[in-house]
Amino acid sequence: MIRRCGSIVVCSLFLGFFIAGCQGQKSADQQSEPDATATSAPSAAESAKSAVKRALEPKPLVVPADTVIAVVLDQAISSKSAHPGDKFSATVENPIEIEGKVAIPKGARADGVVRDAKAAGRFKGGATLALELTSITVAGRDYEVQTSSAAQSSKGKGKRTAAMVGGGAAGGAAIGGIAGGGKGAAIGALIGAAAGTGGAGLTGNRDITFGAETPLDFKLLQPVKIREK
């Protein structure tokens, strides 16, 4: 009888300890839950703050494809000495506005690359010189661009063609067409190209030179997103 009572007492004590341990663990878990909530609260606040900041940022100005960028060269480039891959710099001549805002200001720096350069042959064969813009710098930020080529070539004994060189080729073609039909248009295009570049032309050995401050036109092949200041 005494032994049975002792067993009952031991079991009761063990059960009491077990219940007390469970309650203590539950209390600890309840105390830790507010800490977890407090930890996650700042992250939610930061996310909300970032979302508001993004919403308030001005949308970029999108310069569409086919926009013509007029520049003047900062240095002379010749088909005789230039090589494909050579870099050159230029200055934007006319500002480009989008939705009444200046996306690319006059005076912005433009960088480009020589896509093709071929010196004239000594006895036969013409010269070729083709340039493309690769980037424009606006407010200290560089933007990659893809453009058409400003190109000029000579064939045979001094015959030459031009494309996208200062807009002079189109104007010359119109004048030549009025003067003498198709043949006059072709001649006029060449005269217009040479006159429109203010320094582009052929040397005595049929090499092509774009002088410093030569105006050139490049057409965007892909739109460019310009961030506002």
C-alpha atoms as a PDB file:
ATOM      1  CA  MET A   1       0.000   0.000   0.000  1.00  0.00           C
ATOM      2  CA  ILE A   2       2.747   2.404   0.953  1.00  0.00           C
ATOM      3  CA  ARG A   3       4.667   1.464  -2.186  1.00  0.00           C
ATOM      4  CA  ARG A   4       1.581   2.148  -4.338  1.00  0.00           C
ATOM      5  CA  CYS A   5       1.084   5.534  -2.745  1.00  0.00           C
ATOM      6  CA  GLY A   6       4.721   6.375  -3.390  1.00  0.00           C
ATOM      7  CA  SER A   7       4.319   5.513  -7.069  1.00  0.00           C
ATOM      8  CA  ILE A   8       1.268   7.720  -7.321  1.00  0.00           C
ATOM      9  CA  VAL A   9       3.155  10.621  -5.753  1.00  0.00           C
ATOM     10  CA  VAL A  10       6.103  10.216  -8.159  1.00  0.00           C
ATOM     11  CA  CYS A  11       3.775  10.064 -11.159  1.00  0.00           C
ATOM     12  CA  SER A  12       1.948  13.174  -9.972  1.00  0.00           C
ATOM     13  CA  LEU A  13       5.203  15.076  -9.588  1.00  0.00           C
ATOM     14  CA  PHE A  14       6.408  14.029 -13.024  1.00  0.00           C
ATOM     15  CA  LEU A  15       3.082  15.054 -14.577  1.00  0.00           C
ATOM     16  CA  GLY A  16       3.280  18.409 -12.813  1.00  0.00           C
ATOM     17  CA  PHE A  17       6.791  19.028 -14.083  1.00  0.00           C
ATOM     18  CA  PHE A  18       5.732  18.103 -17.636  1.00  0.00           C
ATOM     19  CA  ILE A  19       2.742  20.479 -17.601  1.00  0.00           C
ATOM     20  CA  ALA A  20       4.851  23.280 -16.184  1.00  0.00           C
ATOM     21  CA  GLY A  21       7.484  22.731 -18.912  1.00  0.00           C
ATOM     22  CA  CYS A  22       4.882  22.890 -21.663  1.00  0.00           C
ATOM     23  CA  GLN A  23       3.417  26.100 -20.311  1.00  0.00           C
ATOM     24  CA  GLY A  24       6.872  27.650 -20.056  1.00  0.00           C
ATOM     25  CA  GLN A  25       7.694  26.733 -23.667  1.00  0.00           C
ATOM     26  CA  LYS A  26       4.356  28.149 -24.844  1.00  0.00           C
ATOM     27  CA  SER A  27       5.031  31.387 -22.997  1.00  0.00           C
ATOM     28  CA  ALA A  28       8.505  31.630 -24.562  1.00  0.00           C
ATOM     29  CA  ASP A  29       7.048  31.066 -28.032  1.00  0.00           C
ATOM     30  CA  GLN A  30       4.445  33.774 -27.454  1.00  0.00           C
ATOM     31  CA  GLN A  31       7.146  36.181 -26.365  1.00  0.00           C
ATOM     32  CA  SER A  32       9.243  35.441 -29.428  1.00  0.00           C
ATOM     33  CA  GLU A  33       6.396  36.022 -31.909  1.00  0.00           C
ATOM     34  CA  PRO A  34       6.329  39.826 -31.453  1.00  0.00           C
ATOM     35  CA  ASP A  35      10.089  39.882 -32.051  1.00  0.00           C
ATOM     36  CA  ALA A  36       9.641  38.126 -35.411  1.00  0.00           C
ATOM     37  CA  THR A  37       6.928  40.590 -36.363  1.00  0.00           C
ATOM     38  CA  ALA A  38       9.119  43.485 -35.349  1.00  0.00           C
ATOM     39  CA  THR A  39      11.928  42.075 -37.477  1.00  0.00           C
ATOM     40  CA  SER A  40       9.759  41.758 -40.605  1.00  0.00           C
ATOM     41  CA  ALA A  41       8.123  45.172 -40.184  1.00  0.00           C
ATOM     42  CA  PRO A  42      11.154  47.254 -41.303  1.00  0.00           C
ATOM     43  CA  SER A  43      11.511  45.140 -44.478  1.00  0.00           C
ATOM     44  CA  ALA A  44       7.912  45.877 -45.438  1.00  0.00           C
ATOM     45  CA  ALA A  45       8.452  49.568 -44.728  1.00  0.00           C
ATOM     46  CA  GLU A  46      11.587  49.644 -46.884  1.00  0.00           C
ATOM     47  CA  SER A  47       9.751  47.924 -49.743  1.00  0.00           C
ATOM     48  CA  ALA A  48       6.942  50.467 -49.564  1.00  0.00           C
ATOM     49  CA  LYS A  49       9.467  53.311 -49.510  1.00  0.00           C
ATOM     50  CA  SER A  50      11.237  51.920 -52.584  1.00  0.00           C
ATOM     51  CA  ALA A  51       7.934  51.547 -54.434  1.00  0.00           C
ATOM     52  CA  VAL A  52       7.024  55.184 -53.732  1.00  0.00           C
ATOM     53  CA  LYS A  53      10.475  56.328 -54.849  1.00  0.00           C
ATOM     54  CA  ARG A  54      10.153  54.447 -58.149  1.00  0.00           C
ATOM     55  CA  ALA A  55       6.703  55.904 -58.733  1.00  0.00           C
ATOM     56  CA  LEU A  56       8.003  59.441 -58.235  1.00  0.00           C
ATOM     57  CA  GLU A  57      10.976  59.027 -60.599  1.00  0.00           C
ATOM     58  CA  PRO A  58      10.429  60.741 -63.968  1.00  0.00           C
ATOM     59  CA  LYS A  59       9.937  58.459 -66.944  1.00  0.00           C
ATOM     60  CA  PRO A  60      12.824  58.388 -69.434  1.00  0.00           C
ATOM     61  CA  LEU A  61      12.584  60.317 -72.685  1.00  0.00           C
ATOM     62  CA  VAL A  62      12.483  57.854 -75.576  1.00  0.00           C
ATOM     63  CA  VAL A  63      14.232  59.030 -78.748  1.00  0.00           C
ATOM     64  CA  PRO A  64      12.563  56.928 -81.484  1.00  0.00           C
ATOM     65  CA  ALA A  65      14.248  54.985 -84.240  1.00  0.00           C
ATOM     66  CA  ASP A  66      14.795  56.888 -87.515  1.00  0.00           C
ATOM     67  CA  THR A  67      15.663  60.061 -85.585  1.00  0.00           C
ATOM     68  CA  VAL A  68      18.541  61.826 -87.338  1.00  0.00           C
ATOM     69  CA  ILE A  69      21.418  62.899 -85.104  1.00  0.00           C
ATOM     70  CA  ALA A  70      23.458  65.712 -86.655  1.00  0.00           C
ATOM     71  CA  VAL A  71      27.051  66.001 -85.447  1.00  0.00           C
ATOM     72  CA  VAL A  72      30.330  67.654 -86.416  1.00  0.00           C
ATOM     73  CA  LEU A  73      33.582  65.724 -86.263  1.00  0.00           C
ATOM     74  CA  ASP A  74      36.150  66.641 -83.638  1.00  0.00           C
ATOM     75  CA  GLN A  75      39.034  65.457 -85.806  1.00  0.00           C
ATOM     76  CA  ALA A  76      39.878  64.686 -89.430  1.00  0.00           C
ATOM     77  CA  ILE A  77      39.434  61.121 -90.704  1.00  0.00           C
ATOM     78  CA  SER A  78      40.918  59.846 -93.974  1.00  0.00           C
ATOM     79  CA  SER A  79      40.359  56.634 -95.896  1.00  0.00           C
ATOM     80  CA  LYS A  80      44.109  56.528 -96.439  1.00  0.00           C
ATOM     81  CA  SER A  81      45.087  56.352 -92.771  1.00  0.00           C
ATOM     82  CA  ALA A  82      41.964  55.107 -90.966  1.00  0.00           C
ATOM     83  CA  HIS A  83      41.265  51.457 -90.200  1.00  0.00           C
ATOM     84  CA  PRO A  84      38.040  49.599 -89.356  1.00  0.00           C
ATOM     85  CA  GLY A  85      37.567  49.696 -85.603  1.00  0.00           C
ATOM     86  CA  ASP A  86      39.252  53.078 -85.113  1.00  0.00           C
ATOM     87  CA  LYS A  87      37.393  55.311 -82.648  1.00  0.00           C
ATOM     88  CA  PHE A  88      36.439  58.928 -83.233  1.00  0.00           C
ATOM     89  CA  SER A  89      34.587  61.644 -81.353  1.00  0.00           C
ATOM     90  CA  ALA A  90      32.068  64.247 -82.474  1.00  0.00           C
ATOM     91  CA  THR A  91      29.799  66.949 -81.079  1.00  0.00           C
ATOM     92  CA  VAL A  92      26.007  67.016 -81.429  1.00  0.00           C
ATOM     93  CA  GLU A  93      25.125  69.988 -83.634  1.00  0.00           C
ATOM     94  CA  ASN A  94      21.344  70.197 -83.181  1.00  0.00           C
ATOM     95  CA  PRO A  95      19.337  69.464 -80.000  1.00  0.00           C
ATOM     96  CA  ILE A  96      16.767  66.670 -80.083  1.00  0.00           C
ATOM     97  CA  GLU A  97      13.505  67.327 -78.246  1.00  0.00           C
ATOM     98  CA  ILE A  98      10.971  64.740 -77.117  1.00  0.00           C
ATOM     99  CA  GLU A  99       7.550  65.828 -75.800  1.00  0.00           C
ATOM    100  CA  GLY A 100       8.779  69.392 -75.499  1.00  0.00           C
ATOM    101  CA  LYS A 101      11.829  68.394 -73.455  1.00  0.00           C
ATOM    102  CA  VAL A 102      15.440  68.303 -74.608  1.00  0.00           C
ATOM    103  CA  ALA A 103      16.547  64.663 -74.654  1.00  0.00           C
ATOM    104  CA  ILE A 104      19.909  65.231 -76.358  1.00  0.00           C
ATOM    105  CA  PRO A 105      21.249  68.787 -76.039  1.00  0.00           C
ATOM    106  CA  LYS A 106      23.392  70.628 -78.532  1.00  0.00           C
ATOM    107  CA  GLY A 107      27.035  70.190 -77.630  1.00  0.00           C
ATOM    108  CA  ALA A 108      26.601  66.669 -76.244  1.00  0.00           C
ATOM    109  CA  ARG A 109      29.557  64.391 -76.862  1.00  0.00           C
ATOM    110  CA  ALA A 110      29.166  61.573 -79.380  1.00  0.00           C
ATOM    111  CA  ASP A 111      31.571  58.686 -79.905  1.00  0.00           C
ATOM    112  CA  GLY A 112      31.788  56.468 -82.935  1.00  0.00           C
ATOM    113  CA  VAL A 113      33.777  53.882 -84.818  1.00  0.00           C
ATOM    114  CA  VAL A 114      35.135  53.522 -88.333  1.00  0.00           C
ATOM    115  CA  ARG A 115      33.170  50.647 -89.869  1.00  0.00           C
ATOM    116  CA  ASP A 116      34.948  50.608 -93.198  1.00  0.00           C
ATOM    117  CA  ALA A 117      38.051  52.314 -94.540  1.00  0.00           C
ATOM    118  CA  LYS A 118      39.803  51.536 -97.787  1.00  0.00           C
ATOM    119  CA  ALA A 119      42.501  53.607 -99.412  1.00  0.00           C
ATOM    120  CA  ALA A 120      42.348  54.256-103.131  1.00  0.00           C
ATOM    121  CA  GLY A 121      44.391  51.920-105.325  1.00  0.00           C
ATOM    122  CA  ARG A 122      47.477  53.342-107.006  1.00  0.00           C
ATOM    123  CA  PHE A 123      46.350  52.478-110.525  1.00  0.00           C
ATOM    124  CA  LYS A 124      42.737  51.375-110.099  1.00  0.00           C
ATOM    125  CA  GLY A 125      40.178  50.812-107.386  1.00  0.00           C
ATOM    126  CA  GLY A 126      38.345  53.423-105.352  1.00  0.00           C
ATOM    127  CA  ALA A 127      38.403  54.502-101.737  1.00  0.00           C
ATOM    128  CA  THR A 128      35.757  53.903 -99.065  1.00  0.00           C
ATOM    129  CA  LEU A 129      35.111  55.550 -95.714  1.00  0.00           C
ATOM    130  CA  ALA A 130      32.146  54.678 -93.469  1.00  0.00           C
ATOM    131  CA  LEU A 131      31.486  55.869 -89.899  1.00  0.00           C
ATOM    132  CA  GLU A 132      28.874  54.965 -87.283  1.00  0.00           C
ATOM    133  CA  LEU A 133      27.986  56.409 -83.878  1.00  0.00           C
ATOM    134  CA  THR A 134      28.222  54.049 -80.912  1.00  0.00           C
ATOM    135  CA  SER A 135      27.337  56.221 -77.906  1.00  0.00           C
ATOM    136  CA  ILE A 136      26.127  59.650 -76.805  1.00  0.00           C
ATOM    137  CA  THR A 137      26.878  61.284 -73.455  1.00  0.00           C
ATOM    138  CA  VAL A 138      24.073  63.258 -71.794  1.00  0.00           C
ATOM    139  CA  ALA A 139      24.465  64.794 -68.323  1.00  0.00           C
ATOM    140  CA  GLY A 140      27.508  62.636 -67.619  1.00  0.00           C
ATOM    141  CA  ARG A 141      25.765  59.385 -68.544  1.00  0.00           C
ATOM    142  CA  ASP A 142      26.749  57.322 -71.606  1.00  0.00           C
ATOM    143  CA  TYR A 143      24.010  55.845 -73.790  1.00  0.00           C
ATOM    144  CA  GLU A 144      24.761  53.178 -76.380  1.00  0.00           C
ATOM    145  CA  VAL A 145      23.273  53.845 -79.811  1.00  0.00           C
ATOM    146  CA  GLN A 146      22.976  51.976 -83.088  1.00  0.00           C
ATOM    147  CA  THR A 147      23.006  54.161 -86.185  1.00  0.00           C
ATOM    148  CA  SER A 148      23.219  54.017 -89.938  1.00  0.00           C
ATOM    149  CA  SER A 149      26.539  54.798 -91.570  1.00  0.00           C
ATOM    150  CA  ALA A 150      27.782  58.129 -92.820  1.00  0.00           C
ATOM    151  CA  ALA A 151      29.677  56.852 -95.838  1.00  0.00           C
ATOM    152  CA  GLN A 152      31.397  58.014 -98.967  1.00  0.00           C
ATOM    153  CA  SER A 153      33.229  56.079-101.654  1.00  0.00           C
ATOM    154  CA  SER A 154      35.113  56.720-104.868  1.00  0.00           C
ATOM    155  CA  LYS A 155      35.213  54.414-107.859  1.00  0.00           C
ATOM    156  CA  GLY A 156      37.582  54.291-110.759  1.00  0.00           C
ATOM    157  CA  LYS A 157      38.985  57.608-111.889  1.00  0.00           C
ATOM    158  CA  GLY A 158      37.540  59.928-109.307  1.00  0.00           C
ATOM    159  CA  LYS A 159      33.878  58.873-109.550  1.00  0.00           C
ATOM    160  CA  ARG A 160      32.269  58.938-106.130  1.00  0.00           C
ATOM    161  CA  THR A 161      29.050  58.338-104.259  1.00  0.00           C
ATOM    162  CA  ALA A 162      27.865  59.515-100.870  1.00  0.00           C
ATOM    163  CA  ALA A 163      25.216  58.597 -98.335  1.00  0.00           C
ATOM    164  CA  MET A 164      24.016  60.331 -95.175  1.00  0.00           C
ATOM    165  CA  VAL A 165      26.766  62.958 -95.309  1.00  0.00           C
ATOM    166  CA  GLY A 166      25.412  66.197 -93.917  1.00  0.00           C
ATOM    167  CA  GLY A 167      22.188  65.851 -95.896  1.00  0.00           C
ATOM    168  CA  GLY A 168      23.973  67.342 -98.894  1.00  0.00           C
ATOM    169  CA  ALA A 169      23.467  64.358-101.172  1.00  0.00           C
ATOM    170  CA  ALA A 170      19.659  64.660-101.158  1.00  0.00           C
ATOM    171  CA  GLY A 171      19.728  68.405-101.775  1.00  0.00           C
ATOM    172  CA  GLY A 172      22.249  68.039-104.553  1.00  0.00           C
ATOM    173  CA  ALA A 173      20.196  65.324-106.199  1.00  0.00           C
ATOM    174  CA  ALA A 174      17.148  67.597-106.259  1.00  0.00           C
ATOM    175  CA  ILE A 175      19.132  70.407-107.880  1.00  0.00           C
ATOM    176  CA  GLY A 176      20.765  68.022-110.335  1.00  0.00           C
ATOM    177  CA  GLY A 177      17.431  66.487-111.261  1.00  0.00           C
ATOM    178  CA  ILE A 178      16.020  69.881-112.184  1.00  0.00           C
ATOM    179  CA  ALA A 179      19.114  70.698-114.177  1.00  0.00           C
ATOM    180  CA  GLY A 180      19.494  67.549-116.209  1.00  0.00           C
ATOM    181  CA  GLY A 181      17.232  64.635-115.357  1.00  0.00           C
ATOM    182  CA  GLY A 182      18.585  61.349-114.038  1.00  0.00           C
ATOM    183  CA  LYS A 183      22.183  61.975-114.984  1.00  0.00           C
ATOM    184  CA  GLY A 184      22.006  65.461-113.521  1.00  0.00           C
ATOM    185  CA  ALA A 185      20.551  64.053-110.310  1.00  0.00           C
ATOM    186  CA  ALA A 186      23.480  61.688-109.896  1.00  0.00           C
ATOM    187  CA  ILE A 187      25.984  64.473-110.484  1.00  0.00           C
ATOM    188  CA  GLY A 188      24.046  66.809-108.246  1.00  0.00           C
ATOM    189  CA  ALA A 189      24.054  64.270-105.432  1.00  0.00           C
ATOM    190  CA  LEU A 190      27.825  64.141-105.509  1.00  0.00           C
ATOM    191  CA  ILE A 191      28.167  67.917-105.628  1.00  0.00           C
ATOM    192  CA  GLY A 192      25.653  68.269-102.815  1.00  0.00           C
ATOM    193  CA  ALA A 193      27.476  65.736-100.688  1.00  0.00           C
ATOM    194  CA  ALA A 194      30.797  67.487-101.115  1.00  0.00           C
ATOM    195  CA  ALA A 195      29.303  70.914-100.483  1.00  0.00           C
ATOM    196  CA  GLY A 196      27.192  69.776 -97.545  1.00  0.00           C
ATOM    197  CA  THR A 197      30.051  68.284 -95.597  1.00  0.00           C
ATOM    198  CA  GLY A 198      32.117  71.454 -95.350  1.00  0.00           C
ATOM    199  CA  GLY A 199      35.352  69.500 -95.547  1.00  0.00           C
ATOM    200  CA  ALA A 200      34.594  66.037 -96.878  1.00  0.00           C
ATOM    201  CA  GLY A 201      35.953  65.254-100.299  1.00  0.00           C
ATOM    202  CA  LEU A 202      38.583  63.519-102.350  1.00  0.00           C
ATOM    203  CA  THR A 203      42.272  64.199-102.426  1.00  0.00           C
ATOM    204  CA  GLY A 204      44.353  64.131-105.589  1.00  0.00           C
ATOM    205  CA  ASN A 205      44.810  60.357-105.372  1.00  0.00           C
ATOM    206  CA  ARG A 206      41.055  59.728-104.886  1.00  0.00           C
ATOM    207  CA  ASP A 207      41.310  59.066-101.134  1.00  0.00           C
ATOM    208  CA  ILE A 208      38.418  60.360 -99.035  1.00  0.00           C
ATOM    209  CA  THR A 209      38.874  62.762 -96.139  1.00  0.00           C
ATOM    210  CA  PHE A 210      36.323  64.015 -93.629  1.00  0.00           C
ATOM    211  CA  GLY A 211      37.948  67.098 -92.143  1.00  0.00           C
ATOM    212  CA  ALA A 212      37.567  68.355 -88.593  1.00  0.00           C
ATOM    213  CA  GLU A 213      34.179  70.064 -88.058  1.00  0.00           C
ATOM    214  CA  THR A 214      32.703  68.151 -90.997  1.00  0.00           C
ATOM    215  CA  PRO A 215      28.918  67.869 -90.421  1.00  0.00           C
ATOM    216  CA  LEU A 216      27.568  64.317 -90.634  1.00  0.00           C
ATOM    217  CA  ASP A 217      24.082  62.875 -90.166  1.00  0.00           C
ATOM    218  CA  PHE A 218      23.398  59.533 -88.495  1.00  0.00           C
ATOM    219  CA  LYS A 219      19.990  57.864 -88.284  1.00  0.00           C
ATOM    220  CA  LEU A 220      19.041  55.857 -85.180  1.00  0.00           C
ATOM    221  CA  LEU A 221      18.276  52.207 -85.918  1.00  0.00           C
ATOM    222  CA  GLN A 222      16.929  51.516 -82.417  1.00  0.00           C
ATOM    223  CA  PRO A 223      15.157  53.827 -79.926  1.00  0.00           C
ATOM    224  CA  VAL A 224      17.217  55.247 -77.058  1.00  0.00           C
ATOM    225  CA  LYS A 225      15.915  55.932 -73.545  1.00  0.00           C
ATOM    226  CA  ILE A 226      17.392  59.100 -72.035  1.00  0.00           C
ATOM    227  CA  ARG A 227      16.921  59.723 -68.312  1.00  0.00           C
ATOM    228  CA  GLU A 228      15.937  63.207 -67.278  1.00  0.00           C
ATOM    229  CA  LYS A 229      18.194  65.108 -64.901  1.00  0.00           C
END
